[in-house]
Amino acid sequence: MGEKVSYKWLPVVEEGFCNGCQECVLACEPQCLAIQNGAVVLTHPDRCGSEEHCIAPCPIGVIKMDWVEYTGNQSIGKWRSSCRGEKNNACCCQCQHKELV
C-alpha cells in the first residue's frame, strides 16, 4: 500500500512575472509569503489557510490558487471552518477540497 498523497489549495506565482511590489506579502495575514530575489515566494505553505487574501492585491495578476501536492502539517488550511459539512468533495464556499489515496 502506497503513501497517502494529499493536496492543498495554495497560491502559485507565475515564474518570471512578479515585480516584487510586496502587496501580496502585506495582505497575507498568516505570513506565508516573502520576497526573495525580487519576487514573491511561498515560504511557509504550512501556515497558509487557503483564504486567497494574496490574490486581489497583486497589481499584475500573477498569483493564482491551485492544488499543490502537500506533505506538511495537514491540519492547517486544509479545511475552512465553514467547510465541515462538505458533500462529494464540494463545500459551501464552493472550493473543491481534494485528498487522494
PDB file of N, CA and C in Angstrom:
ATOM      1  N   MET A   1       0.845  -1.184   0.000  1.00  0.00           N
ATOM      2  CA  MET A   1       0.000   0.000   0.000  1.00  0.00           C
ATOM      3  C   MET A   1       0.886   1.241   0.000  1.00  0.00           C
ATOM      4  N   GLY A   2       0.607   2.184  -0.903  1.00  0.00           N
ATOM      5  CA  GLY A   2       1.422   3.386  -1.037  1.00  0.00           C
ATOM      6  C   GLY A   2       1.109   4.430   0.019  1.00  0.00           C
ATOM      7  N   GLU A   3       1.974   5.433   0.070  1.00  0.00           N
ATOM      8  CA  GLU A   3       1.787   6.529   0.995  1.00  0.00           C
ATOM      9  C   GLU A   3       0.610   7.380   0.558  1.00  0.00           C
ATOM     10  N   LYS A   4      -0.088   7.957   1.512  1.00  0.00           N
ATOM     11  CA  LYS A   4      -1.222   8.821   1.225  1.00  0.00           C
ATOM     12  C   LYS A   4      -0.713  10.133   0.621  1.00  0.00           C
ATOM     13  N   VAL A   5      -1.289  10.528  -0.498  1.00  0.00           N
ATOM     14  CA  VAL A   5      -0.914  11.773  -1.150  1.00  0.00           C
ATOM     15  C   VAL A   5      -2.024  12.779  -0.910  1.00  0.00           C
ATOM     16  N   SER A   6      -1.666  13.939  -0.396  1.00  0.00           N
ATOM     17  CA  SER A   6      -2.643  14.986  -0.139  1.00  0.00           C
ATOM     18  C   SER A   6      -2.324  16.207  -0.984  1.00  0.00           C
ATOM     19  N   TYR A   7      -3.337  16.998  -1.214  1.00  0.00           N
ATOM     20  CA  TYR A   7      -3.189  18.228  -1.971  1.00  0.00           C
ATOM     21  C   TYR A   7      -3.744  19.369  -1.141  1.00  0.00           C
ATOM     22  N   LYS A   8      -3.150  20.550  -1.308  1.00  0.00           N
ATOM     23  CA  LYS A   8      -3.603  21.729  -0.578  1.00  0.00           C
ATOM     24  C   LYS A   8      -3.780  22.872  -1.566  1.00  0.00           C
ATOM     25  N   TRP A   9      -4.825  23.670  -1.361  1.00  0.00           N
ATOM     26  CA  TRP A   9      -5.134  24.820  -2.195  1.00  0.00           C
ATOM     27  C   TRP A   9      -4.176  25.939  -1.788  1.00  0.00           C
ATOM     28  N   LEU A  10      -3.169  26.210  -2.628  1.00  0.00           N
ATOM     29  CA  LEU A  10      -2.109  27.153  -2.288  1.00  0.00           C
ATOM     30  C   LEU A  10      -1.897  28.180  -3.395  1.00  0.00           C
ATOM     31  N   PRO A  11      -1.356  29.348  -3.028  1.00  0.00           N
ATOM     32  CA  PRO A  11      -1.019  30.333  -4.053  1.00  0.00           C
ATOM     33  C   PRO A  11       0.192  29.874  -4.863  1.00  0.00           C
ATOM     34  N   VAL A  12       0.093  30.049  -6.167  1.00  0.00           N
ATOM     35  CA  VAL A  12       1.182  29.707  -7.078  1.00  0.00           C
ATOM     36  C   VAL A  12       1.486  30.971  -7.885  1.00  0.00           C
ATOM     37  N   VAL A  13       2.749  31.345  -7.946  1.00  0.00           N
ATOM     38  CA  VAL A  13       3.163  32.572  -8.625  1.00  0.00           C
ATOM     39  C   VAL A  13       3.742  32.227  -9.989  1.00  0.00           C
ATOM     40  N   GLU A  14       3.260  32.938 -11.018  1.00  0.00           N
ATOM     41  CA  GLU A  14       3.781  32.746 -12.370  1.00  0.00           C
ATOM     42  C   GLU A  14       5.240  33.174 -12.392  1.00  0.00           C
ATOM     43  N   GLU A  15       6.110  32.227 -12.606  1.00  0.00           N
ATOM     44  CA  GLU A  15       7.545  32.481 -12.531  1.00  0.00           C
ATOM     45  C   GLU A  15       7.998  33.504 -13.573  1.00  0.00           C
ATOM     46  N   GLY A  16       8.798  34.456 -13.120  1.00  0.00           N
ATOM     47  CA  GLY A  16       9.374  35.447 -14.017  1.00  0.00           C
ATOM     48  C   GLY A  16       8.545  36.694 -14.236  1.00  0.00           C
ATOM     49  N   PHE A  17       7.354  36.781 -13.628  1.00  0.00           N
ATOM     50  CA  PHE A  17       6.489  37.928 -13.874  1.00  0.00           C
ATOM     51  C   PHE A  17       6.268  38.818 -12.656  1.00  0.00           C
ATOM     52  N   CYS A  18       6.584  38.344 -11.457  1.00  0.00           N
ATOM     53  CA  CYS A  18       6.384  39.131 -10.239  1.00  0.00           C
ATOM     54  C   CYS A  18       7.308  40.347 -10.262  1.00  0.00           C
ATOM     55  N   ASN A  19       6.750  41.527  -9.915  1.00  0.00           N
ATOM     56  CA  ASN A  19       7.565  42.742  -9.890  1.00  0.00           C
ATOM     57  C   ASN A  19       8.085  43.070  -8.487  1.00  0.00           C
ATOM     58  N   GLY A  20       7.802  42.222  -7.501  1.00  0.00           N
ATOM     59  CA  GLY A  20       8.326  42.412  -6.152  1.00  0.00           C
ATOM     60  C   GLY A  20       7.706  43.556  -5.377  1.00  0.00           C
ATOM     61  N   CYS A  21       6.487  43.946  -5.702  1.00  0.00           N
ATOM     62  CA  CYS A  21       5.851  45.102  -5.055  1.00  0.00           C
ATOM     63  C   CYS A  21       5.485  44.850  -3.586  1.00  0.00           C
ATOM     64  N   GLN A  22       5.401  43.632  -3.161  1.00  0.00           N
ATOM     65  CA  GLN A  22       5.106  43.204  -1.791  1.00  0.00           C
ATOM     66  C   GLN A  22       3.646  43.377  -1.355  1.00  0.00           C
ATOM     67  N   GLU A  23       2.761  43.746  -2.261  1.00  0.00           N
ATOM     68  CA  GLU A  23       1.352  43.916  -1.890  1.00  0.00           C
ATOM     69  C   GLU A  23       0.757  42.612  -1.363  1.00  0.00           C
ATOM     70  N   CYS A  24       1.083  41.498  -1.996  1.00  0.00           N
ATOM     71  CA  CYS A  24       0.565  40.201  -1.555  1.00  0.00           C
ATOM     72  C   CYS A  24       1.148  39.809  -0.201  1.00  0.00           C
ATOM     73  N   VAL A  25       2.417  40.118   0.017  1.00  0.00           N
ATOM     74  CA  VAL A  25       3.078  39.805   1.287  1.00  0.00           C
ATOM     75  C   VAL A  25       2.390  40.556   2.423  1.00  0.00           C
ATOM     76  N   LEU A  26       2.081  41.828   2.198  1.00  0.00           N
ATOM     77  CA  LEU A  26       1.411  42.643   3.212  1.00  0.00           C
ATOM     78  C   LEU A  26      -0.011  42.164   3.482  1.00  0.00           C
ATOM     79  N   ALA A  27      -0.675  41.623   2.473  1.00  0.00           N
ATOM     80  CA  ALA A  27      -2.058  41.151   2.627  1.00  0.00           C
ATOM     81  C   ALA A  27      -2.152  39.772   3.265  1.00  0.00           C
ATOM     82  N   CYS A  28      -1.052  39.042   3.308  1.00  0.00           N
ATOM     83  CA  CYS A  28      -1.052  37.667   3.809  1.00  0.00           C
ATOM     84  C   CYS A  28      -0.954  37.657   5.333  1.00  0.00           C
ATOM     85  N   GLU A  29      -2.103  37.501   6.004  1.00  0.00           N
ATOM     86  CA  GLU A  29      -2.134  37.514   7.471  1.00  0.00           C
ATOM     87  C   GLU A  29      -1.304  36.405   8.106  1.00  0.00           C
ATOM     88  N   PRO A  30      -1.307  35.174   7.572  1.00  0.00           N
ATOM     89  CA  PRO A  30      -0.503  34.124   8.204  1.00  0.00           C
ATOM     90  C   PRO A  30       0.998  34.227   7.913  1.00  0.00           C
ATOM     91  N   GLN A  31       1.401  35.246   7.147  1.00  0.00           N
ATOM     92  CA  GLN A  31       2.811  35.490   6.833  1.00  0.00           C
ATOM     93  C   GLN A  31       3.495  34.272   6.214  1.00  0.00           C
ATOM     94  N   CYS A  32       2.884  33.754   5.166  1.00  0.00           N
ATOM     95  CA  CYS A  32       3.482  32.599   4.490  1.00  0.00           C
ATOM     96  C   CYS A  32       4.185  32.983   3.194  1.00  0.00           C
ATOM     97  N   LEU A  33       4.131  34.270   2.825  1.00  0.00           N
ATOM     98  CA  LEU A  33       4.804  34.747   1.620  1.00  0.00           C
ATOM     99  C   LEU A  33       5.971  35.654   1.989  1.00  0.00           C
ATOM    100  N   ALA A  34       6.967  35.712   1.132  1.00  0.00           N
ATOM    101  CA  ALA A  34       8.109  36.607   1.322  1.00  0.00           C
ATOM    102  C   ALA A  34       8.677  36.969  -0.045  1.00  0.00           C
ATOM    103  N   ILE A  35       9.405  38.067  -0.088  1.00  0.00           N
ATOM    104  CA  ILE A  35      10.097  38.455  -1.312  1.00  0.00           C
ATOM    105  C   ILE A  35      11.521  37.917  -1.234  1.00  0.00           C
ATOM    106  N   GLN A  36      11.892  37.145  -2.234  1.00  0.00           N
ATOM    107  CA  GLN A  36      13.251  36.612  -2.327  1.00  0.00           C
ATOM    108  C   GLN A  36      13.744  36.831  -3.748  1.00  0.00           C
ATOM    109  N   ASN A  37      14.911  37.408  -3.876  1.00  0.00           N
ATOM    110  CA  ASN A  37      15.489  37.704  -5.197  1.00  0.00           C
ATOM    111  C   ASN A  37      14.536  38.516  -6.067  1.00  0.00           C
ATOM    112  N   GLY A  38      13.823  39.468  -5.450  1.00  0.00           N
ATOM    113  CA  GLY A  38      12.956  40.379  -6.186  1.00  0.00           C
ATOM    114  C   GLY A  38      11.599  39.843  -6.583  1.00  0.00           C
ATOM    115  N   ALA A  39      11.216  38.663  -6.098  1.00  0.00           N
ATOM    116  CA  ALA A  39       9.915  38.075  -6.452  1.00  0.00           C
ATOM    117  C   ALA A  39       9.301  37.383  -5.238  1.00  0.00           C
ATOM    118  N   VAL A  40       7.987  37.276  -5.250  1.00  0.00           N
ATOM    119  CA  VAL A  40       7.293  36.624  -4.132  1.00  0.00           C
ATOM    120  C   VAL A  40       7.487  35.109  -4.188  1.00  0.00           C
ATOM    121  N   VAL A  41       7.636  34.528  -2.990  1.00  0.00           N
ATOM    122  CA  VAL A  41       7.831  33.090  -2.848  1.00  0.00           C
ATOM    123  C   VAL A  41       6.961  32.610  -1.694  1.00  0.00           C
ATOM    124  N   LEU A  42       6.349  31.458  -1.853  1.00  0.00           N
ATOM    125  CA  LEU A  42       5.592  30.836  -0.768  1.00  0.00           C
ATOM    126  C   LEU A  42       6.607  30.157   0.143  1.00  0.00           C
ATOM    127  N   THR A  43       6.942  30.821   1.246  1.00  0.00           N
ATOM    128  CA  THR A  43       7.998  30.325   2.130  1.00  0.00           C
ATOM    129  C   THR A  43       7.483  29.396   3.221  1.00  0.00           C
ATOM    130  N   HIS A  44       6.210  29.544   3.588  1.00  0.00           N
ATOM    131  CA  HIS A  44       5.641  28.730   4.666  1.00  0.00           C
ATOM    132  C   HIS A  44       4.269  28.182   4.260  1.00  0.00           C
ATOM    133  N   PRO A  45       4.224  27.188   3.367  1.00  0.00           N
ATOM    134  CA  PRO A  45       2.930  26.651   2.929  1.00  0.00           C
ATOM    135  C   PRO A  45       2.125  26.045   4.070  1.00  0.00           C
ATOM    136  N   ASP A  46       2.805  25.603   5.119  1.00  0.00           N
ATOM    137  CA  ASP A  46       2.103  25.017   6.257  1.00  0.00           C
ATOM    138  C   ASP A  46       1.272  26.057   7.003  1.00  0.00           C
ATOM    139  N   ARG A  47       1.623  27.337   6.906  1.00  0.00           N
ATOM    140  CA  ARG A  47       0.862  28.408   7.563  1.00  0.00           C
ATOM    141  C   ARG A  47      -0.342  28.861   6.743  1.00  0.00           C
ATOM    142  N   CYS A  48      -0.335  28.595   5.450  1.00  0.00           N
ATOM    143  CA  CYS A  48      -1.369  29.112   4.550  1.00  0.00           C
ATOM    144  C   CYS A  48      -2.730  28.530   4.897  1.00  0.00           C
ATOM    145  N   GLY A  49      -3.699  29.412   5.103  1.00  0.00           N
ATOM    146  CA  GLY A  49      -5.061  28.996   5.393  1.00  0.00           C
ATOM    147  C   GLY A  49      -5.924  28.910   4.150  1.00  0.00           C
ATOM    148  N   SER A  50      -5.330  29.024   2.973  1.00  0.00           N
ATOM    149  CA  SER A  50      -6.040  28.923   1.690  1.00  0.00           C
ATOM    150  C   SER A  50      -7.158  29.949   1.572  1.00  0.00           C
ATOM    151  N   GLU A  51      -6.984  31.100   2.189  1.00  0.00           N
ATOM    152  CA  GLU A  51      -8.022  32.132   2.198  1.00  0.00           C
ATOM    153  C   GLU A  51      -7.977  33.050   0.978  1.00  0.00           C
ATOM    154  N   GLU A  52      -6.914  32.996   0.209  1.00  0.00           N
ATOM    155  CA  GLU A  52      -6.773  33.733  -1.051  1.00  0.00           C
ATOM    156  C   GLU A  52      -6.653  35.245  -0.887  1.00  0.00           C
ATOM    157  N   HIS A  53      -6.248  35.732   0.293  1.00  0.00           N
ATOM    158  CA  HIS A  53      -6.101  37.174   0.515  1.00  0.00           C
ATOM    159  C   HIS A  53      -4.972  37.779  -0.313  1.00  0.00           C
ATOM    160  N   CYS A  54      -4.074  36.967  -0.804  1.00  0.00           N
ATOM    161  CA  CYS A  54      -2.920  37.454  -1.564  1.00  0.00           C
ATOM    162  C   CYS A  54      -3.237  37.691  -3.043  1.00  0.00           C
ATOM    163  N   ILE A  55      -4.357  37.196  -3.523  1.00  0.00           N
ATOM    164  CA  ILE A  55      -4.669  37.253  -4.961  1.00  0.00           C
ATOM    165  C   ILE A  55      -5.038  38.668  -5.424  1.00  0.00           C
ATOM    166  N   ALA A  56      -6.047  39.264  -4.810  1.00  0.00           N
ATOM    167  CA  ALA A  56      -6.562  40.565  -5.250  1.00  0.00           C
ATOM    168  C   ALA A  56      -5.538  41.700  -5.178  1.00  0.00           C
ATOM    169  N   PRO A  57      -4.687  41.760  -4.164  1.00  0.00           N
ATOM    170  CA  PRO A  57      -3.733  42.874  -4.097  1.00  0.00           C
ATOM    171  C   PRO A  57      -2.672  42.875  -5.198  1.00  0.00           C
ATOM    172  N   CYS A  58      -2.467  41.764  -5.866  1.00  0.00           N
ATOM    173  CA  CYS A  58      -1.430  41.689  -6.904  1.00  0.00           C
ATOM    174  C   CYS A  58      -1.832  42.575  -8.087  1.00  0.00           C
ATOM    175  N   PRO A  59      -1.072  43.656  -8.349  1.00  0.00           N
ATOM    176  CA  PRO A  59      -1.459  44.584  -9.416  1.00  0.00           C
ATOM    177  C   PRO A  59      -1.302  44.017 -10.830  1.00  0.00           C
ATOM    178  N   ILE A  60      -0.554  42.931 -10.970  1.00  0.00           N
ATOM    179  CA  ILE A  60      -0.356  42.372 -12.315  1.00  0.00           C
ATOM    180  C   ILE A  60      -0.949  40.976 -12.470  1.00  0.00           C
ATOM    181  N   GLY A  61      -1.628  40.489 -11.439  1.00  0.00           N
ATOM    182  CA  GLY A  61      -2.374  39.233 -11.532  1.00  0.00           C
ATOM    183  C   GLY A  61      -1.554  37.980 -11.771  1.00  0.00           C
ATOM    184  N   VAL A  62      -0.390  37.881 -11.143  1.00  0.00           N
ATOM    185  CA  VAL A  62       0.458  36.707 -11.381  1.00  0.00           C
ATOM    186  C   VAL A  62       0.311  35.623 -10.313  1.00  0.00           C
ATOM    187  N   ILE A  63      -0.570  35.846  -9.334  1.00  0.00           N
ATOM    188  CA  ILE A  63      -0.787  34.834  -8.298  1.00  0.00           C
ATOM    189  C   ILE A  63      -2.122  34.152  -8.558  1.00  0.00           C
ATOM    190  N   LYS A  64      -2.079  32.849  -8.653  1.00  0.00           N
ATOM    191  CA  LYS A  64      -3.283  32.036  -8.853  1.00  0.00           C
ATOM    192  C   LYS A  64      -3.306  30.979  -7.757  1.00  0.00           C
ATOM    193  N   MET A  65      -4.471  30.476  -7.439  1.00  0.00           N
ATOM    194  CA  MET A  65      -4.579  29.375  -6.488  1.00  0.00           C
ATOM    195  C   MET A  65      -4.663  28.080  -7.285  1.00  0.00           C
ATOM    196  N   ASP A  66      -4.023  27.040  -6.760  1.00  0.00           N
ATOM    197  CA  ASP A  66      -4.048  25.745  -7.434  1.00  0.00           C
ATOM    198  C   ASP A  66      -3.831  24.651  -6.396  1.00  0.00           C
ATOM    199  N   TRP A  67      -4.203  23.430  -6.752  1.00  0.00           N
ATOM    200  CA  TRP A  67      -3.963  22.277  -5.889  1.00  0.00           C
ATOM    201  C   TRP A  67      -2.509  21.868  -6.038  1.00  0.00           C
ATOM    202  N   VAL A  68      -1.803  21.832  -4.921  1.00  0.00           N
ATOM    203  CA  VAL A  68      -0.381  21.508  -4.903  1.00  0.00           C
ATOM    204  C   VAL A  68      -0.179  20.299  -4.006  1.00  0.00           C
ATOM    205  N   GLU A  69       0.634  19.343  -4.461  1.00  0.00           N
ATOM    206  CA  GLU A  69       0.931  18.186  -3.620  1.00  0.00           C
ATOM    207  C   GLU A  69       1.552  18.694  -2.328  1.00  0.00           C
ATOM    208  N   TYR A  70       1.093  18.151  -1.205  1.00  0.00           N
ATOM    209  CA  TYR A  70       1.446  18.723   0.089  1.00  0.00           C
ATOM    210  C   TYR A  70       1.730  17.640   1.109  1.00  0.00           C
ATOM    211  N   THR A  71       2.838  17.792   1.817  1.00  0.00           N
ATOM    212  CA  THR A  71       3.193  16.813   2.842  1.00  0.00           C
ATOM    213  C   THR A  71       3.405  17.458   4.205  1.00  0.00           C
ATOM    214  N   GLY A  72       3.097  18.746   4.345  1.00  0.00           N
ATOM    215  CA  GLY A  72       3.308  19.454   5.605  1.00  0.00           C
ATOM    216  C   GLY A  72       2.220  19.170   6.618  1.00  0.00           C
ATOM    217  N   ASN A  73       2.012  20.117   7.527  1.00  0.00           N
ATOM    218  CA  ASN A  73       1.007  19.990   8.577  1.00  0.00           C
ATOM    219  C   ASN A  73      -0.377  19.977   7.938  1.00  0.00           C
ATOM    220  N   GLN A  74      -0.984  18.831   7.894  1.00  0.00           N
ATOM    221  CA  GLN A  74      -2.259  18.639   7.200  1.00  0.00           C
ATOM    222  C   GLN A  74      -3.426  19.369   7.866  1.00  0.00           C
ATOM    223  N   SER A  75      -3.283  19.762   9.122  1.00  0.00           N
ATOM    224  CA  SER A  75      -4.410  20.373   9.830  1.00  0.00           C
ATOM    225  C   SER A  75      -4.530  21.866   9.572  1.00  0.00           C
ATOM    226  N   ILE A  76      -3.517  22.497   8.997  1.00  0.00           N
ATOM    227  CA  ILE A  76      -3.551  23.941   8.787  1.00  0.00           C
ATOM    228  C   ILE A  76      -3.977  24.241   7.363  1.00  0.00           C
ATOM    229  N   GLY A  77      -5.071  24.978   7.207  1.00  0.00           N
ATOM    230  CA  GLY A  77      -5.505  25.421   5.897  1.00  0.00           C
ATOM    231  C   GLY A  77      -6.156  24.363   5.038  1.00  0.00           C
ATOM    232  N   LYS A  78      -6.276  23.149   5.534  1.00  0.00           N
ATOM    233  CA  LYS A  78      -6.854  22.087   4.718  1.00  0.00           C
ATOM    234  C   LYS A  78      -8.361  22.271   4.570  1.00  0.00           C
ATOM    235  N   TRP A  79      -9.025  22.545   5.665  1.00  0.00           N
ATOM    236  CA  TRP A  79     -10.468  22.757   5.636  1.00  0.00           C
ATOM    237  C   TRP A  79     -10.767  24.090   6.301  1.00  0.00           C
ATOM    238  N   ARG A  80     -11.569  24.881   5.677  1.00  0.00           N
ATOM    239  CA  ARG A  80     -12.032  26.111   6.322  1.00  0.00           C
ATOM    240  C   ARG A  80     -13.110  25.722   7.316  1.00  0.00           C
ATOM    241  N   SER A  81     -13.316  26.539   8.323  1.00  0.00           N
ATOM    242  CA  SER A  81     -14.300  26.190   9.349  1.00  0.00           C
ATOM    243  C   SER A  81     -15.697  26.032   8.752  1.00  0.00           C
ATOM    244  N   SER A  82     -16.001  26.753   7.681  1.00  0.00           N
ATOM    245  CA  SER A  82     -17.314  26.654   7.053  1.00  0.00           C
ATOM    246  C   SER A  82     -17.449  25.421   6.174  1.00  0.00           C
ATOM    247  N   CYS A  83     -16.378  24.661   6.011  1.00  0.00           N
ATOM    248  CA  CYS A  83     -16.393  23.511   5.108  1.00  0.00           C
ATOM    249  C   CYS A  83     -16.617  22.194   5.829  1.00  0.00           C
ATOM    250  N   ARG A  84     -17.015  22.210   7.044  1.00  0.00           N
ATOM    251  CA  ARG A  84     -17.167  20.976   7.807  1.00  0.00           C
ATOM    252  C   ARG A  84     -18.268  20.076   7.243  1.00  0.00           C
ATOM    253  N   GLY A  85     -19.219  20.642   6.518  1.00  0.00           N
ATOM    254  CA  GLY A  85     -20.317  19.834   6.003  1.00  0.00           C
ATOM    255  C   GLY A  85     -20.182  19.506   4.533  1.00  0.00           C
ATOM    256  N   GLU A  86     -18.971  19.275   4.078  1.00  0.00           N
ATOM    257  CA  GLU A  86     -18.764  19.022   2.661  1.00  0.00           C
ATOM    258  C   GLU A  86     -19.460  17.734   2.207  1.00  0.00           C
ATOM    259  N   LYS A  87     -19.902  17.743   0.966  1.00  0.00           N
ATOM    260  CA  LYS A  87     -20.537  16.573   0.357  1.00  0.00           C
ATOM    261  C   LYS A  87     -19.955  16.411  -1.034  1.00  0.00           C
ATOM    262  N   ASN A  88     -19.559  15.215  -1.360  1.00  0.00           N
ATOM    263  CA  ASN A  88     -18.998  14.925  -2.688  1.00  0.00           C
ATOM    264  C   ASN A  88     -17.825  15.838  -3.031  1.00  0.00           C
ATOM    265  N   ASN A  89     -16.958  16.084  -2.061  1.00  0.00           N
ATOM    266  CA  ASN A  89     -15.773  16.920  -2.233  1.00  0.00           C
ATOM    267  C   ASN A  89     -16.083  18.366  -2.596  1.00  0.00           C
ATOM    268  N   ALA A  90     -17.275  18.837  -2.330  1.00  0.00           N
ATOM    269  CA  ALA A  90     -17.608  20.242  -2.542  1.00  0.00           C
ATOM    270  C   ALA A  90     -18.125  20.798  -1.225  1.00  0.00           C
ATOM    271  N   CYS A  91     -17.905  22.067  -0.991  1.00  0.00           N
ATOM    272  CA  CYS A  91     -18.343  22.641   0.279  1.00  0.00           C
ATOM    273  C   CYS A  91     -19.157  23.894   0.022  1.00  0.00           C
ATOM    274  N   CYS A  92     -19.622  24.485   1.091  1.00  0.00           N
ATOM    275  CA  CYS A  92     -20.498  25.639   0.974  1.00  0.00           C
ATOM    276  C   CYS A  92     -19.790  26.864   0.391  1.00  0.00           C
ATOM    277  N   CYS A  93     -18.478  26.943   0.475  1.00  0.00           N
ATOM    278  CA  CYS A  93     -17.772  28.098  -0.089  1.00  0.00           C
ATOM    279  C   CYS A  93     -17.337  27.821  -1.532  1.00  0.00           C
ATOM    280  N   GLN A  94     -17.793  26.752  -2.103  1.00  0.00           N
ATOM    281  CA  GLN A  94     -17.605  26.372  -3.500  1.00  0.00           C
ATOM    282  C   GLN A  94     -16.164  26.062  -3.886  1.00  0.00           C
ATOM    283  N   CYS A  95     -15.297  25.875  -2.893  1.00  0.00           N
ATOM    284  CA  CYS A  95     -13.960  25.397  -3.237  1.00  0.00           C
ATOM    285  C   CYS A  95     -14.040  23.877  -3.338  1.00  0.00           C
ATOM    286  N   GLN A  96     -13.113  23.268  -3.975  1.00  0.00           N
ATOM    287  CA  GLN A  96     -13.123  21.820  -4.166  1.00  0.00           C
ATOM    288  C   GLN A  96     -11.959  21.227  -3.389  1.00  0.00           C
ATOM    289  N   HIS A  97     -12.234  20.657  -2.229  1.00  0.00           N
ATOM    290  CA  HIS A  97     -11.177  20.048  -1.426  1.00  0.00           C
ATOM    291  C   HIS A  97     -10.849  18.683  -2.000  1.00  0.00           C
ATOM    292  N   LYS A  98      -9.575  18.379  -2.115  1.00  0.00           N
ATOM    293  CA  LYS A  98      -9.166  17.095  -2.668  1.00  0.00           C
ATOM    294  C   LYS A  98      -8.233  16.400  -1.699  1.00  0.00           C
ATOM    295  N   GLU A  99      -8.371  15.137  -1.618  1.00  0.00           N
ATOM    296  CA  GLU A  99      -7.416  14.317  -0.895  1.00  0.00           C
ATOM    297  C   GLU A  99      -7.435  12.958  -1.567  1.00  0.00           C
ATOM    298  N   LEU A 100      -6.303  12.577  -2.154  1.00  0.00           N
ATOM    299  CA  LEU A 100      -6.230  11.325  -2.883  1.00  0.00           C
ATOM    300  C   LEU A 100      -5.505  10.282  -2.061  1.00  0.00           C
ATOM    301  N   VAL A 101      -5.867   9.051  -2.242  1.00  0.00           N
ATOM    302  CA  VAL A 101      -5.197   7.952  -1.551  1.00  0.00           C
ATOM    303  C   VAL A 101      -4.388   7.174  -2.561  1.00  0.00           C
TER     304      VAL A 101
END
